C-alpha atoms as a PDB file:
ATOM      1  CA  MET A   1      78.297 103.953 107.246  1.00  0.00           C
ATOM      2  CA  ALA A   2      76.027 107.037 108.333  1.00  0.00           C
ATOM      3  CA  LEU A   3      77.463 110.393 107.645  1.00  0.00           C
ATOM      4  CA  ALA A   4      74.855 112.329 110.175  1.00  0.00           C
ATOM      5  CA  PRO A   5      77.279 111.517 113.333  1.00  0.00           C
ATOM      6  CA  LEU A   6      80.237 113.071 111.635  1.00  0.00           C
ATOM      7  CA  ILE A   7      78.254 116.479 112.010  1.00  0.00           C
ATOM      8  CA  PRO A   8      79.169 117.628 115.467  1.00  0.00           C
ATOM      9  CA  SER A   9      76.333 118.948 117.640  1.00  0.00           C
ATOM     10  CA  ASN A  10      78.136 122.379 118.051  1.00  0.00           C
ATOM     11  CA  TRP A  11      77.951 122.960 114.772  1.00  0.00           C
ATOM     12  CA  SER A  12      75.024 125.172 114.913  1.00  0.00           C
ATOM     13  CA  SER A  13      75.757 127.579 111.998  1.00  0.00           C
ATOM     14  CA  PHE A  14      76.615 124.538 109.760  1.00  0.00           C
ATOM     15  CA  PRO A  15      74.812 125.631 106.331  1.00  0.00           C
ATOM     16  CA  GLN A  16      71.431 123.635 105.669  1.00  0.00           C
ATOM     17  CA  GLU A  17      72.378 123.629 102.029  1.00  0.00           C
ATOM     18  CA  PHE A  18      75.430 121.326 103.155  1.00  0.00           C
ATOM     19  CA  ARG A  19      72.993 119.259 105.211  1.00  0.00           C
ATOM     20  CA  LEU A  20      70.644 118.427 102.511  1.00  0.00           C
ATOM     21  CA  ARG A  21      73.452 117.554  99.983  1.00  0.00           C
ATOM     22  CA  LEU A  22      75.239 114.730 102.608  1.00  0.00           C
ATOM     23  CA  GLY A  23      73.741 111.546 102.323  1.00  0.00           C
ATOM     24  CA  THR A  24      73.335 108.734 104.979  1.00  0.00           C
ATOM     25  CA  ASN A  25      76.788 107.381 104.089  1.00  0.00           C
ATOM     26  CA  VAL A  26      79.864 109.260 103.726  1.00  0.00           C
ATOM     27  CA  GLY A  27      79.922 108.664  99.827  1.00  0.00           C
ATOM     28  CA  ARG A  28      83.016 109.616  97.556  1.00  0.00           C
ATOM     29  CA  GLN A  29      85.359 112.268  98.520  1.00  0.00           C
ATOM     30  CA  ARG A  30      83.960 115.847  97.447  1.00  0.00           C
ATOM     31  CA  VAL A  31      83.816 119.201  97.800  1.00  0.00           C
ATOM     32  CA  MET A  32      80.559 121.595  98.262  1.00  0.00           C
ATOM     33  CA  LYS A  33      80.322 125.150  98.053  1.00  0.00           C
ATOM     34  CA  ALA A  34      77.689 127.452  99.154  1.00  0.00           C
ATOM     35  CA  ASN A  35      78.233 131.422  98.814  1.00  0.00           C
ATOM     36  CA  GLU A  36      81.697 131.731 100.741  1.00  0.00           C
ATOM     37  CA  GLU A  37      81.783 128.771 102.511  1.00  0.00           C
ATOM     38  CA  LEU A  38      83.340 125.347 101.551  1.00  0.00           C
ATOM     39  CA  LEU A  39      83.009 121.801 102.800  1.00  0.00           C
ATOM     40  CA  VAL A  40      85.653 119.070 102.009  1.00  0.00           C
ATOM     41  CA  VAL A  41      84.286 115.482 102.425  1.00  0.00           C
ATOM     42  CA  ALA A  42      87.276 113.340 102.953  1.00  0.00           C
ATOM     43  CA  HIS A  43      87.924 109.902 104.126  1.00  0.00           C
ATOM     44  CA  LEU A  44      89.760 108.742 106.670  1.00  0.00           C
ATOM     45  CA  VAL A  45      92.940 106.466 106.106  1.00  0.00           C
ATOM     46  CA  PRO A  46      91.646 103.266 105.424  1.00  0.00           C
ATOM     47  CA  GLU A  47      92.484 100.060 107.323  1.00  0.00           C
ATOM     48  CA  HIS A  48      93.884  96.792 105.949  1.00  0.00           C
ATOM     49  CA  ASP A  49      90.591  94.746 106.315  1.00  0.00           C
ATOM     50  CA  GLU A  50      87.944  97.835 106.330  1.00  0.00           C
ATOM     51  CA  THR A  51      85.269  97.190 103.764  1.00  0.00           C
ATOM     52  CA  GLY A  52      83.578 100.572 104.332  1.00  0.00           C
ATOM     53  CA  ARG A  53      84.913 104.062 104.448  1.00  0.00           C
ATOM     54  CA  ARG A  54      85.001 106.459 107.315  1.00  0.00           C
ATOM     55  CA  GLY A  55      84.438 110.145 106.547  1.00  0.00           C
ATOM     56  CA  VAL A  56      85.760 113.293 108.006  1.00  0.00           C
ATOM     57  CA  LEU A  57      84.428 116.706 107.328  1.00  0.00           C
ATOM     58  CA  PHE A  58      86.595 120.151 106.761  1.00  0.00           C
ATOM     59  CA  TRP A  59      84.319 123.201 106.858  1.00  0.00           C
ATOM     60  CA  ARG A  60      85.787 126.423 106.131  1.00  0.00           C
ATOM     61  CA  ASP A  61      82.790 129.367 107.131  1.00  0.00           C
ATOM     62  CA  SER A  62      81.982 132.552 105.684  1.00  0.00           C
ATOM     63  CA  GLN A  63      84.664 134.231 108.218  1.00  0.00           C
ATOM     64  CA  GLY A  64      87.510 132.163 106.713  1.00  0.00           C
ATOM     65  CA  GLU A  65      87.516 129.769 109.833  1.00  0.00           C
ATOM     66  CA  TRP A  66      88.036 126.126 109.293  1.00  0.00           C
ATOM     67  CA  ARG A  67      86.604 123.327 111.446  1.00  0.00           C
ATOM     68  CA  CYS A  68      87.142 119.780 111.335  1.00  0.00           C
ATOM     69  CA  SER A  69      84.275 117.173 112.549  1.00  0.00           C
ATOM     70  CA  ASN A  70      86.498 115.073 114.214  1.00  0.00           C
ATOM     71  CA  GLY A  71      88.275 117.616 116.551  1.00  0.00           C
ATOM     72  CA  ASP A  72      91.180 118.306 115.213  1.00  0.00           C
ATOM     73  CA  PRO A  73      92.224 122.356 115.477  1.00  0.00           C
ATOM     74  CA  GLY A  74      90.769 123.644 112.250  1.00  0.00           C
ATOM     75  CA  LYS A  75      93.605 125.695 110.976  1.00  0.00           C
ATOM     76  CA  VAL A  76      95.906 122.501 111.130  1.00  0.00           C
ATOM     77  CA  ALA A  77      93.326 119.857 110.325  1.00  0.00           C
ATOM     78  CA  LEU A  78      94.106 119.279 106.944  1.00  0.00           C
ATOM     79  CA  GLY A  79      97.873 118.869 107.626  1.00  0.00           C
ATOM     80  CA  ILE A  80      97.011 116.463 110.322  1.00  0.00           C
ATOM     81  CA  HIS A  81      94.816 114.720 108.188  1.00  0.00           C
ATOM     82  CA  LEU A  82      97.668 114.533 105.328  1.00  0.00           C
ATOM     83  CA  ASP A  83     100.112 113.375 108.049  1.00  0.00           C
ATOM     84  CA  ARG A  84      97.884 110.389 109.034  1.00  0.00           C
ATOM     85  CA  TYR A  85      98.168 109.072 105.258  1.00  0.00           C
ATOM     86  CA  ALA A  86     102.016 109.701 105.353  1.00  0.00           C
ATOM     87  CA  LYS A  87     102.546 107.967 108.575  1.00  0.00           C
ATOM     88  CA  LYS A  88     100.251 104.889 107.058  1.00  0.00           C
ATOM     89  CA  ILE A  89     102.462 104.945 103.963  1.00  0.00           C
ATOM     90  CA  ASP A  90     105.570 105.011 105.935  1.00  0.00           C
ATOM     91  CA  HIS A  91     104.135 101.801 107.967  1.00  0.00           C
ATOM     92  CA  TYR A  92     103.794 100.266 104.575  1.00  0.00           C
ATOM     93  CA  GLU A  93     107.082 101.033 103.392  1.00  0.00           C
ATOM     94  CA  THR A  94     108.696  99.271 106.528  1.00  0.00           C
ATOM     95  CA  GLN A  95     106.505  96.236 105.824  1.00  0.00           C
ATOM     96  CA  GLU A  96     107.876  96.176 102.389  1.00  0.00           C
ATOM     97  CA  THR A  97     111.374  96.507 103.157  1.00  0.00           C
ATOM     98  CA  ALA A  98     110.894  93.653 105.438  1.00  0.00           C
ATOM     99  CA  ALA A  99     109.197  91.321 103.007  1.00  0.00           C
ATOM    100  CA  ILE A 100     110.961  88.438 101.443  1.00  0.00           C
ATOM    101  CA  LEU A 101     108.494  85.803 100.721  1.00  0.00           C
ATOM    102  CA  ALA A 102     105.417  86.216  98.144  1.00  0.00           C
ATOM    103  CA  ASP A 103     102.974  85.398 101.344  1.00  0.00           C
ATOM    104  CA  ASP A 104     104.529  88.642 102.897  1.00  0.00           C
ATOM    105  CA  TYR A 105     103.633  90.643 100.232  1.00  0.00           C
ATOM    106  CA  LEU A 106      99.970  89.497  99.789  1.00  0.00           C
ATOM    107  CA  PRO A 107      98.688  91.558 103.009  1.00  0.00           C
ATOM    108  CA  LEU A 108     100.891  94.622 101.925  1.00  0.00           C
ATOM    109  CA  LEU A 109      99.152  94.640  98.545  1.00  0.00           C
ATOM    110  CA  GLU A 110      95.799  94.354 100.209  1.00  0.00           C
ATOM    111  CA  GLY A 111      96.371  97.129 102.588  1.00  0.00           C
ATOM    112  CA  LEU A 112      97.907  99.390  99.736  1.00  0.00           C
ATOM    113  CA  ALA A 113      95.323  99.036  97.206  1.00  0.00           C
ATOM    114  CA  PRO A 114      92.812 101.182  99.046  1.00  0.00           C
ATOM    115  CA  LEU A 115      95.204 103.367 100.388  1.00  0.00           C
ATOM    116  CA  VAL A 116      96.273 104.034  96.791  1.00  0.00           C
ATOM    117  CA  ARG A 117      92.856 104.821  95.598  1.00  0.00           C
ATOM    118  CA  SER A 118      91.975 106.833  98.802  1.00  0.00           C
ATOM    119  CA  SER A 119      95.079 109.190  98.656  1.00  0.00           C
ATOM    120  CA  ARG A 120      94.321 109.623  94.551  1.00  0.00           C
ATOM    121  CA  ASN A 121      90.901 110.613  95.347  1.00  0.00           C
ATOM    122  CA  LEU A 122      92.130 112.966  98.148  1.00  0.00           C
ATOM    123  CA  MET A 123      94.477 114.948  95.754  1.00  0.00           C
ATOM    124  CA  GLU A 124      91.472 115.225  93.516  1.00  0.00           C
ATOM    125  CA  THR A 125      89.395 116.643  95.901  1.00  0.00           C
ATOM    126  CA  LEU A 126      91.778 118.777  97.092  1.00  0.00           C
ATOM    127  CA  GLU A 127      92.393 120.255  93.766  1.00  0.00           C
ATOM    128  CA  GLU A 128      88.619 120.778  93.302  1.00  0.00           C
ATOM    129  CA  ALA A 129      88.755 122.737  96.633  1.00  0.00           C
ATOM    130  CA  ARG A 130      91.510 125.039  95.350  1.00  0.00           C
ATOM    131  CA  LYS A 131      89.818 125.676  92.326  1.00  0.00           C
ATOM    132  CA  ALA A 132      86.580 126.571  94.099  1.00  0.00           C
ATOM    133  CA  LEU A 133      88.488 128.673  96.570  1.00  0.00           C
ATOM    134  CA  PRO A 134      91.269 130.085  94.956  1.00  0.00           C
ATOM    135  CA  GLU A 135      92.076 132.659  97.387  1.00  0.00           C
ATOM    136  CA  GLU A 136      92.704 129.986 100.213  1.00  0.00           C
ATOM    137  CA  ARG A 137      96.417 129.635  99.527  1.00  0.00           C
ATOM    138  CA  THR A 138      96.799 126.883 101.953  1.00  0.00           C
ATOM    139  CA  LEU A 139      94.931 124.579  99.926  1.00  0.00           C
ATOM    140  CA  ILE A 140      97.547 124.756  97.267  1.00  0.00           C
ATOM    141  CA  ASP A 141     100.118 123.438  99.671  1.00  0.00           C
ATOM    142  CA  HIS A 142      97.775 120.804 100.800  1.00  0.00           C
ATOM    143  CA  ARG A 143      97.125 119.628  97.243  1.00  0.00           C
ATOM    144  CA  ASP A 144     100.681 119.445  96.441  1.00  0.00           C
ATOM    145  CA  ARG A 145     101.364 117.172  99.543  1.00  0.00           C
ATOM    146  CA  ALA A 146      98.392 115.136  98.470  1.00  0.00           C
ATOM    147  CA  TYR A 147      99.870 114.823  95.163  1.00  0.00           C
ATOM    148  CA  ASP A 148     103.143 113.724  96.723  1.00  0.00           C
ATOM    149  CA  LEU A 149     101.634 111.170  99.353  1.00  0.00           C
ATOM    150  CA  SER A 150      99.333 109.790  95.995  1.00  0.00           C
ATOM    151  CA  ARG A 151     102.407 109.283  94.238  1.00  0.00           C
ATOM    152  CA  GLN A 152     104.368 107.683  96.922  1.00  0.00           C
ATOM    153  CA  ALA A 153     101.664 105.419  97.488  1.00  0.00           C
ATOM    154  CA  GLU A 154     101.504 104.251  93.866  1.00  0.00           C
ATOM    155  CA  LEU A 155     105.217 103.502  93.526  1.00  0.00           C
ATOM    156  CA  LEU A 156     105.094 101.902  96.890  1.00  0.00           C
ATOM    157  CA  TYR A 157     102.395  99.628  95.542  1.00  0.00           C
ATOM    158  CA  GLU A 158     104.043  98.987  92.184  1.00  0.00           C
ATOM    159  CA  ASP A 159     107.306  98.177  93.911  1.00  0.00           C
ATOM    160  CA  ALA A 160     105.590  95.835  96.329  1.00  0.00           C
ATOM    161  CA  LYS A 161     103.901  94.188  93.223  1.00  0.00           C
ATOM    162  CA  ASN A 162     107.038  93.764  91.180  1.00  0.00           C
ATOM    163  CA  SER A 163     108.690  91.924  94.308  1.00  0.00           C
ATOM    164  CA  MET A 164     106.013  89.658  94.735  1.00  0.00           C
ATOM    165  CA  ASP A 165     106.363  88.677  91.277  1.00  0.00           C
ATOM    166  CA  VAL A 166     110.166  88.299  91.616  1.00  0.00           C
ATOM    167  CA  ALA A 167     109.321  86.072  94.792  1.00  0.00           C
ATOM    168  CA  VAL A 168     106.681  84.333  92.832  1.00  0.00           C
ATOM    169  CA  ILE A 169     109.133  83.366  90.153  1.00  0.00           C
ATOM    170  CA  ARG A 170     111.829  82.448  92.555  1.00  0.00           C
ATOM    171  CA  ARG A 171     109.785  80.261  94.577  1.00  0.00           C
ATOM    172  CA  ALA A 172     108.921  78.558  91.168  1.00  0.00           C
ATOM    173  CA  ASP A 173     112.505  78.157  90.203  1.00  0.00           C
ATOM    174  CA  GLU A 174     113.287  76.764  93.808  1.00  0.00           C
ATOM    175  CA  GLN A 175     110.319  74.279  93.430  1.00  0.00           C
ATOM    176  CA  ALA A 176     111.542  73.555  89.711  1.00  0.00           C
ATOM    177  CA  SER A 177     115.014  72.549  90.685  1.00  0.00           C
ATOM    178  CA  SER A 178     113.447  70.558  93.930  1.00  0.00           C
ATOM    179  CA  THR A 179     111.518  68.546  91.663  1.00  0.00           C
ATOM    180  CA  HIS A 180     114.329  67.853  88.921  1.00  0.00           C
ATOM    181  CA  GLN A 181     116.532  66.953  91.915  1.00  0.00           C
ATOM    182  CA  MET A 182     113.712  64.275  92.834  1.00  0.00           C
ATOM    183  CA  THR A 183     113.251  63.171  89.348  1.00  0.00           C
ATOM    184  CA  VAL A 184     117.138  62.615  88.871  1.00  0.00           C
ATOM    185  CA  ALA A 185     116.752  60.723  92.514  1.00  0.00           C
ATOM    186  CA  ALA A 186     114.105  58.718  91.197  1.00  0.00           C
ATOM    187  CA  HIS A 187     115.885  57.701  87.908  1.00  0.00           C
ATOM    188  CA  ARG A 188     118.852  56.620  89.644  1.00  0.00           C
ATOM    189  CA  LEU A 189     117.082  54.342  92.181  1.00  0.00           C
ATOM    190  CA  ASN A 190     115.200  52.951  89.050  1.00  0.00           C
ATOM    191  CA  MET A 191     118.619  52.154  87.250  1.00  0.00           C
ATOM    192  CA  LEU A 192     119.726  50.720  90.706  1.00  0.00           C
ATOM    193  CA  ALA A 193     116.650  48.552  90.959  1.00  0.00           C
ATOM    194  CA  ALA A 194     116.951  47.675  87.382  1.00  0.00           C
ATOM    195  CA  MET A 195     120.613  46.433  87.891  1.00  0.00           C
ATOM    196  CA  PHE A 196     119.888  44.513  90.876  1.00  0.00           C
ATOM    197  CA  PHE A 197     116.261  42.992  90.144  1.00  0.00           C
ATOM    198  CA  PRO A 198     117.793  40.111  87.982  1.00  0.00           C
ATOM    199  CA  PHE A 199     119.921  38.922  90.800  1.00  0.00           C
ATOM    200  CA  ALA A 200     117.223  39.045  93.051  1.00  0.00           C
ATOM    201  CA  THR A 201     114.769  37.107  90.748  1.00  0.00           C
ATOM    202  CA  LEU A 202     117.745  34.169  90.074  1.00  0.00           C
ATOM    203  CA  GLY A 203     118.614  34.265  93.785  1.00  0.00           C
ATOM    204  CA  ALA A 204     115.077  33.637  94.450  1.00  0.00           C
ATOM    205  CA  ILE A 205     114.874  31.079  91.876  1.00  0.00           C
ATOM    206  CA  PHE A 206     118.009  29.116  92.436  1.00  0.00           C
ATOM    207  CA  GLY A 207     119.156  30.658  95.626  1.00  0.00           C
ATOM    208  CA  THR A 208     122.685  31.928  96.188  1.00  0.00           C
ATOM    209  CA  THR A 209     124.029  28.784  97.138  1.00  0.00           C
ATOM    210  CA  LEU A 210     123.094  27.230  93.829  1.00  0.00           C
ATOM    211  CA  THR A 211     121.605  23.930  95.736  1.00  0.00           C
ATOM    212  CA  ASP A 212     124.404  22.355  97.621  1.00  0.00           C
ATOM    213  CA  ASN A 213     123.131  18.915  97.159  1.00  0.00           C
ATOM    214  CA  TRP A 214     123.693  19.449  93.275  1.00  0.00           C
ATOM    215  CA  SER A 215     127.124  17.979  91.923  1.00  0.00           C
ATOM    216  CA  TRP A 216     128.122  21.030  89.696  1.00  0.00           C
ATOM    217  CA  SER A 217     127.545  23.296  92.944  1.00  0.00           C
ATOM    218  CA  HIS A 218     131.027  22.701  94.205  1.00  0.00           C
ATOM    219  CA  SER A 219     132.349  24.608  91.413  1.00  0.00           C
ATOM    220  CA  ALA A 220     132.990  28.115  91.069  1.00  0.00           C
ATOM    221  CA  LEU A 221     131.423  28.140  87.661  1.00  0.00           C
ATOM    222  CA  PRO A 222     127.800  28.126  88.153  1.00  0.00           C
ATOM    223  CA  PHE A 223     128.221  31.080  90.601  1.00  0.00           C
ATOM    224  CA  ILE A 224     130.144  33.029  88.179  1.00  0.00           C
ATOM    225  CA  LEU A 225     127.557  32.020  85.620  1.00  0.00           C
ATOM    226  CA  PHE A 226     125.055  33.455  87.811  1.00  0.00           C
ATOM    227  CA  LEU A 227     126.615  36.879  88.141  1.00  0.00           C
ATOM    228  CA  MET A 228     127.303  37.324  84.470  1.00  0.00           C
ATOM    229  CA  THR A 229     123.692  36.295  83.718  1.00  0.00           C
ATOM    230  CA  GLY A 230     122.286  38.631  86.450  1.00  0.00           C
ATOM    231  CA  LEU A 231     124.549  41.561  85.228  1.00  0.00           C
ATOM    232  CA  LEU A 232     123.417  41.007  81.193  1.00  0.00           C
ATOM    233  CA  ILE A 233     120.136  40.855  82.221  1.00  0.00           C
ATOM    234  CA  GLY A 234     120.422  44.231  84.534  1.00  0.00           C
ATOM    235  CA  LEU A 235     122.425  45.994  82.086  1.00  0.00           C
ATOM    236  CA  THR A 236     119.543  45.220  79.345  1.00  0.00           C
ATOM    237  CA  LEU A 237     116.863  46.446  81.830  1.00  0.00           C
ATOM    238  CA  ALA A 238     118.935  49.420  82.577  1.00  0.00           C
ATOM    239  CA  GLN A 239     119.428  50.410  78.867  1.00  0.00           C
ATOM    240  CA  PHE A 240     115.589  49.931  78.609  1.00  0.00           C
ATOM    241  CA  ILE A 241     114.634  52.339  81.337  1.00  0.00           C
ATOM    242  CA  ALA A 242     117.417  55.045  80.201  1.00  0.00           C
ATOM    243  CA  ARG A 243     115.971  54.934  76.622  1.00  0.00           C
ATOM    244  CA  PRO A 244     114.246  58.230  75.698  1.00  0.00           C
ATOM    245  CA  ALA A 245     110.681  57.949  75.007  1.00  0.00           C
ATOM    246  CA  ASN A 246     109.651  57.945  70.766  1.00  0.00           C
ATOM    247  CA  LYS A 247     108.472  61.184  70.191  1.00  0.00           C
ATOM    248  CA  GLN A 248     104.913  61.043  68.521  1.00  0.00           C
ATOM    249  CA  ILE A 249     104.554  62.697  65.204  1.00  0.00           C
ATOM    250  CA  HIS A 250     101.241  64.114  64.686  1.00  0.00           C
END
């Protein structure tokens, strides 16, 4: 993104040295000093799906007056800039509190990652500005607040990451439990099939009436024999299915 439009047209006394040191892109957050004038190049609060970085300039002229390229009141511009970071962090804290599933944490982490980097770099930039202009006492307060925001963003990112890991483990446990229940149900079904398969086979061969026109079919003995044979074969099959697989020795 071109940085030139960030320099307001009414900054007629903006030092030429600063203009020459500003590239076509905003670049990293940094501090420039020329004589008694100071320029802080900062990034606006990064959005979730933002690939580039939008810049904002904070210029302190030789008279000690602050000006901001986005039109914020110069004296409180840095404070307002930090307020926007604080508001974004609060927004993500609300999302983190409401998140339950792992899918809820993924967009949260994607949004927090650039915010963590940007807030850390902002804190380092303000520390550099404080060293460059030690007589400007307000920079100490802004530096300290930027440190608090950077730390808050880092802790929120770590909490969200840990919570997502727990959610992933919980989901894996639930899936493992569901898989185990399905395995047990399938095993029980196989046992039932093994028990009744011989009855179905014998019934298909002889019929459950055991052929009415046979002389011995009028006795209960063939049917009892039919049941006992099916039960014996069924138990044998069930034991065969329930038998644990032999471990291979390498």
